[in-house]
Amino acid sequence: WMRFLEPAPHRYDLGIRLFSLGHINSVYDRLIKLARGPETLDLGCGTGSLAHRLAARGQRVTGVDLSPEMLDIARQRAPQGAKLRLVQSGAVELVDCFPAASFDTIVSVLLFSELSAAERAETLRQCHRLLRARGQLLIADEGRAPAFARRALPTLVRAPLAATTFPLTQTGTHAAR
């Protein structure tokens, strides 16, 4: 579902709020509390919702996203004087963007579930390379239980949310295995 965000970045935040029943804000709040150190990378920053909150807290934030349209919205919404740098790049191309040990914290929300297994592995390698000693990687994403019985109820809850959210916003999500 998230792949449909590219043509509709202006509806991304609404779609994620609807699809998560508003819980995305508590996810952002939790990540903000956990993030430490002055340099933070928001991997897959989208429209900058989390990056802006981290910058408002005084952190120097670098937001990375593949979509120039999403980054344009993030630039437009950036608070005045925020310590925020936005970079257009895919997750697996981080090696070309930053030197080793550049960040104290890397956060990523709803990105890893959109990557293939090979892309996830490479992105995790790059995150390891980019983190300073004692750095932390914080990932908030949808998970998918391996057993059918354990994912039946979440699937039943997701279906009407997806059916309602997508027509309104062309936005959705995809659970990771």
N, C-alpha and C. Protein backbone atom coordinates (compact mmCIF):
# COMPACT_ATOMS: atom_id res chain seq x y z
N TRP A 1 0.81 -1.20 0.00
CA TRP A 1 0.00 0.00 0.00
C TRP A 1 0.85 1.26 0.00
N MET A 2 1.94 1.26 0.75
CA MET A 2 2.75 2.47 0.85
C MET A 2 3.30 2.90 -0.50
N ARG A 3 3.42 1.97 -1.44
CA ARG A 3 3.94 2.32 -2.76
C ARG A 3 3.01 3.29 -3.50
N PHE A 4 1.77 3.39 -3.05
CA PHE A 4 0.82 4.33 -3.65
C PHE A 4 1.03 5.74 -3.13
N LEU A 5 1.92 5.92 -2.18
CA LEU A 5 2.14 7.26 -1.61
C LEU A 5 2.84 8.20 -2.58
N GLU A 6 3.67 7.67 -3.42
CA GLU A 6 4.43 8.53 -4.32
C GLU A 6 3.56 9.51 -5.11
N PRO A 7 2.45 9.08 -5.70
CA PRO A 7 1.64 10.05 -6.44
C PRO A 7 0.76 10.92 -5.54
N ALA A 8 0.70 10.65 -4.24
CA ALA A 8 -0.20 11.41 -3.37
C ALA A 8 0.48 11.81 -2.06
N PRO A 9 1.67 12.43 -2.10
CA PRO A 9 2.36 12.75 -0.85
C PRO A 9 1.61 13.76 0.02
N HIS A 10 0.78 14.61 -0.59
CA HIS A 10 0.03 15.60 0.18
C HIS A 10 -1.04 14.94 1.05
N ARG A 11 -1.37 13.67 0.77
CA ARG A 11 -2.36 12.95 1.57
C ARG A 11 -1.73 11.90 2.48
N TYR A 12 -0.42 11.84 2.49
CA TYR A 12 0.29 10.81 3.26
C TYR A 12 -0.04 10.86 4.75
N ASP A 13 0.12 12.01 5.37
CA ASP A 13 -0.09 12.12 6.81
C ASP A 13 -1.53 11.76 7.20
N LEU A 14 -2.50 12.24 6.44
CA LEU A 14 -3.90 11.90 6.70
C LEU A 14 -4.10 10.40 6.59
N GLY A 15 -3.57 9.79 5.55
CA GLY A 15 -3.72 8.35 5.36
C GLY A 15 -3.13 7.54 6.49
N ILE A 16 -1.94 7.91 6.93
CA ILE A 16 -1.29 7.18 8.02
C ILE A 16 -2.06 7.37 9.33
N ARG A 17 -2.54 8.58 9.57
CA ARG A 17 -3.34 8.81 10.79
C ARG A 17 -4.62 7.96 10.76
N LEU A 18 -5.31 7.93 9.62
CA LEU A 18 -6.53 7.13 9.51
C LEU A 18 -6.22 5.65 9.66
N PHE A 19 -5.22 5.18 8.94
CA PHE A 19 -4.91 3.77 8.94
C PHE A 19 -4.44 3.28 10.31
N SER A 20 -3.75 4.14 11.04
CA SER A 20 -3.25 3.74 12.36
C SER A 20 -4.24 4.09 13.48
N LEU A 21 -5.40 4.59 13.10
CA LEU A 21 -6.40 5.03 14.08
C LEU A 21 -5.81 6.07 15.04
N GLY A 22 -4.93 6.89 14.52
CA GLY A 22 -4.32 7.96 15.31
C GLY A 22 -3.13 7.55 16.15
N HIS A 23 -2.76 6.29 16.13
CA HIS A 23 -1.65 5.81 16.97
C HIS A 23 -0.29 6.25 16.45
N ILE A 24 -0.20 6.73 15.24
CA ILE A 24 1.11 7.13 14.71
C ILE A 24 1.73 8.23 15.57
N ASN A 25 0.92 9.11 16.12
CA ASN A 25 1.47 10.17 16.97
C ASN A 25 2.11 9.61 18.23
N SER A 26 1.52 8.58 18.82
CA SER A 26 2.14 7.98 20.00
C SER A 26 3.42 7.24 19.62
N VAL A 27 3.48 6.71 18.42
CA VAL A 27 4.73 6.10 17.93
C VAL A 27 5.81 7.17 17.82
N TYR A 28 5.47 8.30 17.22
CA TYR A 28 6.45 9.40 17.12
C TYR A 28 6.89 9.86 18.50
N ASP A 29 5.94 10.01 19.43
CA ASP A 29 6.29 10.45 20.78
C ASP A 29 7.25 9.48 21.45
N ARG A 30 7.02 8.19 21.28
CA ARG A 30 7.90 7.18 21.88
C ARG A 30 9.30 7.25 21.28
N LEU A 31 9.39 7.39 19.98
CA LEU A 31 10.70 7.47 19.33
C LEU A 31 11.46 8.73 19.77
N ILE A 32 10.74 9.81 19.93
CA ILE A 32 11.37 11.06 20.37
C ILE A 32 11.96 10.88 21.77
N LYS A 33 11.24 10.18 22.64
CA LYS A 33 11.75 9.94 23.99
C LYS A 33 12.97 9.05 23.98
N LEU A 34 13.04 8.11 23.05
CA LEU A 34 14.15 7.16 23.00
C LEU A 34 15.39 7.71 22.29
N ALA A 35 15.19 8.64 21.34
CA ALA A 35 16.31 9.17 20.56
C ALA A 35 17.28 9.90 21.46
N ARG A 36 18.57 9.63 21.27
CA ARG A 36 19.58 10.30 22.08
C ARG A 36 20.73 10.73 21.20
N GLY A 37 21.49 11.69 21.70
CA GLY A 37 22.63 12.22 20.95
C GLY A 37 22.20 13.37 20.07
N PRO A 38 23.16 14.17 19.68
CA PRO A 38 22.82 15.37 18.92
C PRO A 38 22.52 15.14 17.43
N GLU A 39 23.01 14.04 16.86
CA GLU A 39 22.85 13.82 15.41
C GLU A 39 21.91 12.65 15.16
N THR A 40 20.79 12.94 14.48
CA THR A 40 19.79 11.91 14.21
C THR A 40 19.50 11.84 12.72
N LEU A 41 19.40 10.63 12.22
CA LEU A 41 18.99 10.37 10.84
C LEU A 41 17.58 9.81 10.86
N ASP A 42 16.67 10.45 10.14
CA ASP A 42 15.31 9.95 9.97
C ASP A 42 15.26 9.30 8.59
N LEU A 43 15.33 8.00 8.58
CA LEU A 43 15.42 7.23 7.33
C LEU A 43 14.02 6.94 6.82
N GLY A 44 13.71 7.44 5.61
CA GLY A 44 12.36 7.34 5.08
C GLY A 44 11.48 8.39 5.72
N CYS A 45 11.98 9.62 5.79
CA CYS A 45 11.33 10.70 6.57
C CYS A 45 10.00 11.15 5.99
N GLY A 46 9.71 10.82 4.74
CA GLY A 46 8.43 11.22 4.15
C GLY A 46 8.23 12.72 4.21
N THR A 47 7.11 13.15 4.76
CA THR A 47 6.77 14.57 4.83
C THR A 47 7.41 15.28 6.02
N GLY A 48 8.22 14.55 6.77
CA GLY A 48 9.00 15.18 7.84
C GLY A 48 8.32 15.25 9.20
N SER A 49 7.22 14.56 9.39
CA SER A 49 6.50 14.67 10.66
C SER A 49 7.38 14.36 11.87
N LEU A 50 8.11 13.27 11.83
CA LEU A 50 8.99 12.91 12.94
C LEU A 50 10.24 13.79 12.95
N ALA A 51 10.81 14.04 11.80
CA ALA A 51 12.03 14.87 11.71
C ALA A 51 11.79 16.26 12.29
N HIS A 52 10.64 16.85 12.00
CA HIS A 52 10.32 18.18 12.54
C HIS A 52 10.24 18.15 14.06
N ARG A 53 9.62 17.11 14.60
CA ARG A 53 9.49 17.01 16.06
C ARG A 53 10.86 16.82 16.72
N LEU A 54 11.71 16.02 16.11
CA LEU A 54 13.05 15.83 16.66
C LEU A 54 13.85 17.13 16.60
N ALA A 55 13.74 17.84 15.50
CA ALA A 55 14.46 19.11 15.36
C ALA A 55 13.94 20.14 16.37
N ALA A 56 12.64 20.13 16.60
CA ALA A 56 12.07 21.06 17.59
C ALA A 56 12.59 20.78 18.99
N ARG A 57 13.00 19.57 19.22
CA ARG A 57 13.58 19.16 20.50
C ARG A 57 15.05 19.57 20.61
N GLY A 58 15.61 20.10 19.52
CA GLY A 58 16.98 20.59 19.55
C GLY A 58 17.99 19.69 18.89
N GLN A 59 17.56 18.57 18.37
CA GLN A 59 18.50 17.67 17.71
C GLN A 59 18.79 18.15 16.29
N ARG A 60 19.98 17.85 15.83
CA ARG A 60 20.33 18.07 14.42
C ARG A 60 19.85 16.85 13.66
N VAL A 61 18.91 17.07 12.76
CA VAL A 61 18.24 15.96 12.09
C VAL A 61 18.53 16.00 10.59
N THR A 62 18.85 14.84 10.07
CA THR A 62 18.96 14.66 8.63
C THR A 62 17.84 13.72 8.22
N GLY A 63 16.98 14.18 7.35
CA GLY A 63 15.88 13.37 6.85
C GLY A 63 16.23 12.87 5.46
N VAL A 64 16.03 11.59 5.23
CA VAL A 64 16.31 10.98 3.93
C VAL A 64 15.04 10.35 3.42
N ASP A 65 14.73 10.62 2.17
CA ASP A 65 13.58 9.99 1.53
C ASP A 65 13.85 9.91 0.03
N LEU A 66 13.30 8.90 -0.60
CA LEU A 66 13.47 8.72 -2.04
C LEU A 66 12.62 9.69 -2.86
N SER A 67 11.49 10.10 -2.31
CA SER A 67 10.52 10.90 -3.04
C SER A 67 10.82 12.40 -2.95
N PRO A 68 11.10 13.06 -4.07
CA PRO A 68 11.30 14.51 -4.03
C PRO A 68 10.03 15.26 -3.62
N GLU A 69 8.87 14.71 -3.96
CA GLU A 69 7.61 15.35 -3.58
C GLU A 69 7.42 15.34 -2.06
N MET A 70 7.75 14.21 -1.43
CA MET A 70 7.66 14.13 0.03
C MET A 70 8.63 15.12 0.67
N LEU A 71 9.84 15.19 0.14
CA LEU A 71 10.84 16.12 0.69
C LEU A 71 10.42 17.57 0.50
N ASP A 72 9.75 17.88 -0.60
CA ASP A 72 9.25 19.25 -0.80
C ASP A 72 8.25 19.62 0.29
N ILE A 73 7.37 18.70 0.63
CA ILE A 73 6.41 18.96 1.70
C ILE A 73 7.14 19.11 3.03
N ALA A 74 8.13 18.26 3.27
CA ALA A 74 8.91 18.36 4.51
C ALA A 74 9.60 19.71 4.60
N ARG A 75 10.13 20.21 3.49
CA ARG A 75 10.78 21.54 3.48
C ARG A 75 9.77 22.64 3.79
N GLN A 76 8.61 22.57 3.16
CA GLN A 76 7.58 23.59 3.36
C GLN A 76 7.08 23.63 4.80
N ARG A 77 7.03 22.48 5.44
CA ARG A 77 6.50 22.38 6.79
C ARG A 77 7.56 22.55 7.88
N ALA A 78 8.80 22.66 7.50
CA ALA A 78 9.88 22.73 8.49
C ALA A 78 9.73 23.98 9.36
N PRO A 79 9.86 23.82 10.67
CA PRO A 79 9.79 24.98 11.56
C PRO A 79 10.94 25.95 11.28
N GLN A 80 10.67 27.22 11.45
CA GLN A 80 11.68 28.25 11.25
C GLN A 80 12.88 27.98 12.16
N GLY A 81 14.07 28.00 11.60
CA GLY A 81 15.29 27.83 12.37
C GLY A 81 15.59 26.41 12.81
N ALA A 82 14.83 25.43 12.32
CA ALA A 82 15.07 24.03 12.71
C ALA A 82 16.41 23.56 12.16
N LYS A 83 17.09 22.74 12.95
CA LYS A 83 18.35 22.13 12.52
C LYS A 83 18.00 20.88 11.73
N LEU A 84 17.60 21.10 10.48
CA LEU A 84 17.08 20.02 9.65
C LEU A 84 17.69 20.09 8.26
N ARG A 85 18.24 18.97 7.84
CA ARG A 85 18.78 18.84 6.48
C ARG A 85 18.02 17.71 5.81
N LEU A 86 17.58 17.91 4.58
CA LEU A 86 16.82 16.90 3.86
C LEU A 86 17.61 16.43 2.64
N VAL A 87 17.68 15.12 2.47
CA VAL A 87 18.49 14.52 1.41
C VAL A 87 17.63 13.53 0.64
N GLN A 88 17.65 13.63 -0.68
CA GLN A 88 16.93 12.67 -1.50
C GLN A 88 17.85 11.48 -1.78
N SER A 89 17.42 10.32 -1.30
CA SER A 89 18.18 9.09 -1.50
C SER A 89 17.30 7.91 -1.13
N GLY A 90 17.61 6.78 -1.72
CA GLY A 90 16.98 5.54 -1.30
C GLY A 90 17.71 4.99 -0.08
N ALA A 91 17.07 4.10 0.63
CA ALA A 91 17.66 3.54 1.84
C ALA A 91 18.93 2.75 1.55
N VAL A 92 18.96 2.05 0.45
CA VAL A 92 20.14 1.22 0.16
C VAL A 92 21.30 2.03 -0.41
N GLU A 93 21.08 3.27 -0.76
CA GLU A 93 22.14 4.12 -1.31
C GLU A 93 22.80 5.01 -0.27
N LEU A 94 22.60 4.74 1.00
CA LEU A 94 23.15 5.59 2.06
C LEU A 94 24.67 5.65 2.02
N VAL A 95 25.30 4.62 1.50
CA VAL A 95 26.76 4.60 1.44
C VAL A 95 27.29 5.78 0.63
N ASP A 96 26.50 6.24 -0.33
CA ASP A 96 26.92 7.36 -1.17
C ASP A 96 26.66 8.72 -0.53
N CYS A 97 25.93 8.76 0.58
CA CYS A 97 25.49 10.03 1.15
C CYS A 97 26.25 10.48 2.38
N PHE A 98 26.71 9.54 3.20
CA PHE A 98 27.26 9.91 4.50
C PHE A 98 28.48 9.08 4.84
N PRO A 99 29.45 9.69 5.52
CA PRO A 99 30.60 8.91 5.99
C PRO A 99 30.22 8.03 7.19
N ALA A 100 31.06 7.08 7.49
CA ALA A 100 30.83 6.18 8.61
C ALA A 100 30.73 6.97 9.91
N ALA A 101 30.01 6.41 10.87
CA ALA A 101 29.87 6.97 12.22
C ALA A 101 29.37 8.42 12.21
N SER A 102 28.35 8.69 11.40
CA SER A 102 27.81 10.05 11.28
C SER A 102 26.69 10.36 12.26
N PHE A 103 26.04 9.33 12.82
CA PHE A 103 24.82 9.57 13.59
C PHE A 103 24.83 8.85 14.94
N ASP A 104 24.19 9.49 15.91
CA ASP A 104 24.00 8.89 17.23
C ASP A 104 22.76 8.00 17.24
N THR A 105 21.75 8.42 16.51
CA THR A 105 20.48 7.69 16.44
C THR A 105 20.00 7.68 14.99
N ILE A 106 19.48 6.54 14.59
CA ILE A 106 18.78 6.43 13.30
C ILE A 106 17.38 5.95 13.63
N VAL A 107 16.38 6.70 13.14
CA VAL A 107 14.98 6.32 13.32
C VAL A 107 14.39 6.01 11.95
N SER A 108 13.47 5.08 11.93
CA SER A 108 12.79 4.73 10.69
C SER A 108 11.38 4.28 11.03
N VAL A 109 10.40 4.91 10.39
CA VAL A 109 8.99 4.57 10.62
C VAL A 109 8.37 4.14 9.29
N LEU A 110 7.83 2.95 9.28
CA LEU A 110 7.10 2.41 8.12
C LEU A 110 7.93 2.39 6.84
N LEU A 111 9.21 2.11 6.97
CA LEU A 111 10.06 1.97 5.79
C LEU A 111 10.45 0.51 5.55
N PHE A 112 10.92 -0.17 6.57
CA PHE A 112 11.48 -1.50 6.39
C PHE A 112 10.47 -2.49 5.82
N SER A 113 9.21 -2.33 6.11
CA SER A 113 8.20 -3.24 5.57
C SER A 113 8.02 -3.06 4.06
N GLU A 114 8.51 -1.96 3.54
CA GLU A 114 8.39 -1.70 2.10
C GLU A 114 9.61 -2.17 1.30
N LEU A 115 10.62 -2.66 2.00
CA LEU A 115 11.85 -3.10 1.35
C LEU A 115 11.82 -4.61 1.13
N SER A 116 12.50 -5.06 0.08
CA SER A 116 12.68 -6.49 -0.11
C SER A 116 13.65 -7.01 0.94
N ALA A 117 13.76 -8.31 1.07
CA ALA A 117 14.67 -8.90 2.06
C ALA A 117 16.10 -8.45 1.80
N ALA A 118 16.52 -8.41 0.55
CA ALA A 118 17.88 -7.98 0.22
C ALA A 118 18.07 -6.49 0.54
N GLU A 119 17.07 -5.67 0.24
CA GLU A 119 17.15 -4.24 0.56
C GLU A 119 17.20 -4.01 2.07
N ARG A 120 16.40 -4.78 2.82
CA ARG A 120 16.44 -4.66 4.29
C ARG A 120 17.82 -4.99 4.82
N ALA A 121 18.40 -6.08 4.33
CA ALA A 121 19.73 -6.49 4.79
C ALA A 121 20.77 -5.41 4.49
N GLU A 122 20.74 -4.87 3.30
CA GLU A 122 21.71 -3.83 2.93
C GLU A 122 21.47 -2.55 3.73
N THR A 123 20.22 -2.19 3.93
CA THR A 123 19.91 -0.99 4.71
C THR A 123 20.39 -1.16 6.15
N LEU A 124 20.20 -2.33 6.73
CA LEU A 124 20.69 -2.58 8.08
C LEU A 124 22.22 -2.50 8.14
N ARG A 125 22.90 -3.01 7.12
CA ARG A 125 24.37 -2.89 7.06
C ARG A 125 24.78 -1.42 7.03
N GLN A 126 24.08 -0.63 6.22
CA GLN A 126 24.40 0.79 6.12
C GLN A 126 24.12 1.51 7.44
N CYS A 127 23.03 1.16 8.09
CA CYS A 127 22.72 1.77 9.38
C CYS A 127 23.83 1.45 10.39
N HIS A 128 24.28 0.22 10.41
CA HIS A 128 25.38 -0.17 11.31
C HIS A 128 26.62 0.66 11.02
N ARG A 129 26.92 0.86 9.75
CA ARG A 129 28.09 1.65 9.35
C ARG A 129 27.94 3.11 9.76
N LEU A 130 26.74 3.64 9.68
CA LEU A 130 26.50 5.06 9.94
C LEU A 130 26.40 5.41 11.42
N LEU A 131 26.13 4.42 12.25
CA LEU A 131 25.98 4.71 13.68
C LEU A 131 27.33 4.84 14.37
N ARG A 132 27.40 5.82 15.26
CA ARG A 132 28.57 5.98 16.11
C ARG A 132 28.59 4.89 17.17
N ALA A 133 29.71 4.76 17.87
CA ALA A 133 29.78 3.82 18.97
C ALA A 133 28.65 4.12 19.95
N ARG A 134 28.01 3.11 20.44
CA ARG A 134 26.84 3.23 21.33
C ARG A 134 25.63 3.88 20.65
N GLY A 135 25.65 3.96 19.35
CA GLY A 135 24.51 4.50 18.62
C GLY A 135 23.34 3.54 18.67
N GLN A 136 22.18 4.05 18.27
CA GLN A 136 20.98 3.21 18.32
C GLN A 136 20.17 3.33 17.04
N LEU A 137 19.59 2.23 16.66
CA LEU A 137 18.69 2.16 15.52
C LEU A 137 17.29 1.88 16.08
N LEU A 138 16.35 2.79 15.81
CA LEU A 138 14.98 2.67 16.29
C LEU A 138 14.06 2.49 15.08
N ILE A 139 13.43 1.33 15.00
CA ILE A 139 12.54 1.03 13.88
C ILE A 139 11.13 0.84 14.40
N ALA A 140 10.19 1.56 13.83
CA ALA A 140 8.77 1.37 14.13
C ALA A 140 8.09 1.00 12.82
N ASP A 141 7.58 -0.18 12.77
CA ASP A 141 7.01 -0.66 11.52
C ASP A 141 5.91 -1.67 11.83
N GLU A 142 5.16 -2.00 10.82
CA GLU A 142 4.15 -3.03 10.95
C GLU A 142 4.83 -4.38 10.87
N GLY A 143 4.43 -5.26 11.76
CA GLY A 143 4.93 -6.62 11.70
C GLY A 143 3.82 -7.57 11.32
N ARG A 144 4.21 -8.72 10.84
CA ARG A 144 3.23 -9.73 10.45
C ARG A 144 3.59 -11.02 11.16
N ALA A 145 2.67 -11.54 11.93
CA ALA A 145 2.91 -12.79 12.65
C ALA A 145 3.12 -13.93 11.66
N PRO A 146 4.03 -14.85 11.97
CA PRO A 146 4.30 -15.95 11.04
C PRO A 146 3.15 -16.96 10.94
N ALA A 147 2.40 -17.17 12.00
CA ALA A 147 1.32 -18.16 11.99
C ALA A 147 0.00 -17.50 11.58
N PHE A 148 -0.75 -18.18 10.72
CA PHE A 148 -2.01 -17.64 10.24
C PHE A 148 -2.95 -17.31 11.39
N ALA A 149 -3.05 -18.19 12.36
CA ALA A 149 -3.99 -17.98 13.48
C ALA A 149 -3.67 -16.69 14.24
N ARG A 150 -2.39 -16.35 14.35
CA ARG A 150 -2.01 -15.15 15.09
C ARG A 150 -2.20 -13.88 14.28
N ARG A 151 -2.31 -13.99 12.97
CA ARG A 151 -2.51 -12.78 12.17
C ARG A 151 -3.92 -12.63 11.64
N ALA A 152 -4.81 -13.56 11.97
CA ALA A 152 -6.19 -13.49 11.48
C ALA A 152 -6.91 -12.26 12.01
N LEU A 153 -6.86 -12.00 13.31
CA LEU A 153 -7.57 -10.85 13.88
C LEU A 153 -6.99 -9.53 13.35
N PRO A 154 -5.65 -9.35 13.38
CA PRO A 154 -5.12 -8.10 12.81
C PRO A 154 -5.51 -7.92 11.34
N THR A 155 -5.58 -9.01 10.59
CA THR A 155 -5.98 -8.93 9.18
C THR A 155 -7.43 -8.47 9.06
N LEU A 156 -8.28 -8.99 9.92
CA LEU A 156 -9.69 -8.58 9.89
C LEU A 156 -9.85 -7.11 10.28
N VAL A 157 -9.03 -6.63 11.20
CA VAL A 157 -9.09 -5.21 11.60
C VAL A 157 -8.54 -4.33 10.49
N ARG A 158 -7.45 -4.77 9.85
CA ARG A 158 -6.81 -3.98 8.79
C ARG A 158 -7.69 -3.82 7.55
N ALA A 159 -8.42 -4.86 7.19
CA ALA A 159 -9.17 -4.84 5.94
C ALA A 159 -10.13 -3.65 5.82
N PRO A 160 -11.01 -3.41 6.79
CA PRO A 160 -11.89 -2.24 6.64
C PRO A 160 -11.14 -0.91 6.72
N LEU A 161 -10.06 -0.87 7.50
CA LEU A 161 -9.26 0.36 7.55
C LEU A 161 -8.64 0.64 6.19
N ALA A 162 -8.09 -0.39 5.58
CA ALA A 162 -7.48 -0.23 4.26
C ALA A 162 -8.53 0.15 3.22
N ALA A 163 -9.69 -0.50 3.30
CA ALA A 163 -10.76 -0.22 2.33
C ALA A 163 -11.28 1.21 2.45
N THR A 164 -11.25 1.77 3.65
CA THR A 164 -11.71 3.14 3.88
C THR A 164 -10.61 4.15 3.57
N THR A 165 -9.40 3.86 4.03
CA THR A 165 -8.31 4.81 3.91
C THR A 165 -7.85 5.01 2.48
N PHE A 166 -7.66 3.92 1.74
CA PHE A 166 -7.10 4.05 0.40
C PHE A 166 -7.94 4.91 -0.54
N PRO A 167 -9.26 4.70 -0.66
CA PRO A 167 -10.03 5.56 -1.56
C PRO A 167 -9.98 7.04 -1.19
N LEU A 168 -9.89 7.33 0.10
CA LEU A 168 -9.85 8.72 0.54
C LEU A 168 -8.50 9.38 0.32
N THR A 169 -7.43 8.61 0.49
CA THR A 169 -6.10 9.24 0.52
C THR A 169 -5.08 8.63 -0.43
N GLN A 170 -5.40 7.53 -1.09
CA GLN A 170 -4.45 6.77 -1.89
C GLN A 170 -3.22 6.41 -1.04
N THR A 171 -3.46 6.11 0.22
CA THR A 171 -2.41 5.80 1.17
C THR A 171 -2.74 4.51 1.89
N GLY A 172 -1.74 3.73 2.15
CA GLY A 172 -1.92 2.52 2.92
C GLY A 172 -0.57 2.07 3.46
N THR A 173 -0.55 0.89 4.05
CA THR A 173 0.69 0.35 4.57
C THR A 173 0.79 -1.12 4.21
N HIS A 174 1.92 -1.70 4.51
CA HIS A 174 2.20 -3.08 4.16
C HIS A 174 2.98 -3.70 5.31
N ALA A 175 2.45 -4.75 5.92
CA ALA A 175 3.13 -5.37 7.05
C ALA A 175 4.32 -6.18 6.61
N ALA A 176 5.38 -6.14 7.42
CA ALA A 176 6.59 -6.90 7.14
C ALA A 176 6.45 -8.32 7.67
N ARG A 177 7.04 -9.26 6.97
CA ARG A 177 7.06 -10.65 7.45
C ARG A 177 8.10 -10.78 8.53
